[in-house]
C-alpha atoms as a PDB file:
ATOM      1  CA  MET A   1      -0.340  -0.094   0.170  1.00  0.00           C
ATOM      2  CA  THR A   2       1.393   3.868  -0.803  1.00  0.00           C
ATOM      3  CA  VAL A   3       0.620   6.843   1.040  1.00  0.00           C
ATOM      4  CA  SER A   4      -0.713   8.057  -2.215  1.00  0.00           C
ATOM      5  CA  GLU A   5      -3.774   5.075  -1.300  1.00  0.00           C
ATOM      6  CA  VAL A   6      -4.368   5.493   1.780  1.00  0.00           C
ATOM      7  CA  LEU A   7      -4.416   9.189   1.491  1.00  0.00           C
ATOM      8  CA  ARG A   8      -7.268   8.525  -0.797  1.00  0.00           C
ATOM      9  CA  GLN A   9      -8.440   5.726   1.547  1.00  0.00           C
ATOM     10  CA  ALA A  10      -8.634   8.864   4.409  1.00  0.00           C
ATOM     11  CA  LYS A  11     -10.687  11.371   2.420  1.00  0.00           C
ATOM     12  CA  ALA A  12     -13.221   8.859   2.728  1.00  0.00           C
ATOM     13  CA  LEU A  13     -13.541   8.805   6.437  1.00  0.00           C
ATOM     14  CA  SER A  14     -15.702  11.649   8.472  1.00  0.00           C
ATOM     15  CA  PRO A  15     -13.634  14.171  10.019  1.00  0.00           C
ATOM     16  CA  LEU A  16     -13.882  12.557  13.148  1.00  0.00           C
ATOM     17  CA  GLU A  17     -12.425   9.530  11.805  1.00  0.00           C
ATOM     18  CA  ARG A  18      -9.404  11.633  10.612  1.00  0.00           C
ATOM     19  CA  LYS A  19      -8.674  12.824  13.753  1.00  0.00           C
ATOM     20  CA  GLU A  20      -8.746   9.729  15.111  1.00  0.00           C
ATOM     21  CA  LEU A  21      -6.365   8.487  12.349  1.00  0.00           C
ATOM     22  CA  LEU A  22      -4.112  11.530  13.482  1.00  0.00           C
ATOM     23  CA  ARG A  23      -4.034  10.482  16.229  1.00  0.00           C
ATOM     24  CA  SER A  24      -2.984   7.214  15.879  1.00  0.00           C
ATOM     25  CA  LEU A  25      -0.476   7.723  12.980  1.00  0.00           C
ATOM     26  CA  HIS A  26       1.312  10.445  15.653  1.00  0.00           C
ATOM     27  CA  ASP A  27       1.299   7.655  18.028  1.00  0.00           C
ATOM     28  CA  LEU A  28       2.900   5.492  16.228  1.00  0.00           C
ATOM     29  CA  VAL A  29       5.831   7.540  14.799  1.00  0.00           C
ATOM     30  CA  ALA A  30       6.086   8.835  18.897  1.00  0.00           C
ATOM     31  CA  LYS A  31       6.815   4.997  19.214  1.00  0.00           C
ATOM     32  CA  ASP A  32       9.095   4.977  16.396  1.00  0.00           C
ATOM     33  CA  ASP A  33      11.180   7.391  17.827  1.00  0.00           C
ATOM     34  CA  GLN A  34      11.628   6.556  21.494  1.00  0.00           C
ATOM     35  CA  LYS A  35      15.268   5.034  22.355  1.00  0.00           C
ATOM     36  CA  PRO A  36      15.208   1.379  23.743  1.00  0.00           C
ATOM     37  CA  THR A  37      14.624   1.820  27.998  1.00  0.00           C
ATOM     38  CA  ARG A  38      18.523   0.264  29.701  1.00  0.00           C
ATOM     39  CA  SER A  39      18.740  -1.719  31.969  1.00  0.00           C
ATOM     40  CA  LEU A  40      20.863  -0.661  35.370  1.00  0.00           C
ATOM     41  CA  LEU A  41      21.723  -5.028  34.953  1.00  0.00           C
ATOM     42  CA  GLU A  42      24.017  -4.643  31.621  1.00  0.00           C
ATOM     43  CA  LEU A  43      26.124  -2.444  33.432  1.00  0.00           C
ATOM     44  CA  ALA A  44      26.623  -5.686  35.762  1.00  0.00           C
ATOM     45  CA  GLY A  45      30.468  -6.720  35.862  1.00  0.00           C
ATOM     46  CA  LEU A  46      31.592  -3.550  34.156  1.00  0.00           C
ATOM     47  CA  GLY A  47      35.409  -3.039  35.033  1.00  0.00           C
ATOM     48  CA  LYS A  48      35.689  -6.094  37.158  1.00  0.00           C
ATOM     49  CA  GLU A  49      39.171  -6.645  35.537  1.00  0.00           C
ATOM     50  CA  VAL A  50      40.159  -3.095  37.296  1.00  0.00           C
ATOM     51  CA  TRP A  51      39.378  -5.180  40.324  1.00  0.00           C
ATOM     52  CA  GLN A  52      41.555  -8.769  39.680  1.00  0.00           C
ATOM     53  CA  LYS A  53      45.051  -7.948  41.416  1.00  0.00           C
ATOM     54  CA  ILE A  54      43.612  -5.674  44.277  1.00  0.00           C
ATOM     55  CA  ASP A  55      43.320  -6.729  47.876  1.00  0.00           C
ATOM     56  CA  THR A  56      39.882  -5.364  48.828  1.00  0.00           C
ATOM     57  CA  ASP A  57      40.108  -5.413  52.226  1.00  0.00           C
ATOM     58  CA  ALA A  58      43.396  -4.060  52.179  1.00  0.00           C
ATOM     59  CA  TYR A  59      41.958  -0.774  50.049  1.00  0.00           C
ATOM     60  CA  ILE A  60      38.996  -0.530  52.407  1.00  0.00           C
ATOM     61  CA  ASN A  61      40.734  -0.394  55.556  1.00  0.00           C
ATOM     62  CA  GLU A  62      42.801   2.108  53.164  1.00  0.00           C
ATOM     63  CA  LEU A  63      40.324   4.046  52.697  1.00  0.00           C
ATOM     64  CA  ARG A  64      38.879   4.201  55.930  1.00  0.00           C
ATOM     65  CA  ASP A  65      42.160   5.360  57.079  1.00  0.00           C
ATOM     66  CA  GLU A  66      42.305   8.677  55.115  1.00  0.00           C
ATOM     67  CA  TRP A  67      39.199   9.181  56.301  1.00  0.00           C
ATOM     68  CA  ASP A  68      39.486   8.666  59.893  1.00  0.00           C
ATOM     69  CA  GLN A  69      43.252  10.787  58.930  1.00  0.00           C
ATOM     70  CA  ALA A  70      40.560  13.574  57.365  1.00  0.00           C
ATOM     71  CA  THR A  71      38.494  14.192  60.584  1.00  0.00           C
END
């Protein structure tokens, strides 16, 4: 079906039906423009290689010591 065919059929609609068609087309186009939603879970494991050679307990203790010295 071509745009011309759709327009020809739209001309046969009542003004109220045309408005309904227009709203439906607007909603359809708006959905096409929406970006897909992303999930925070997609970030799971991102950067894990940074921590592979680090003793996390020692790192946390160092941070706590820094906080204690700052206060």
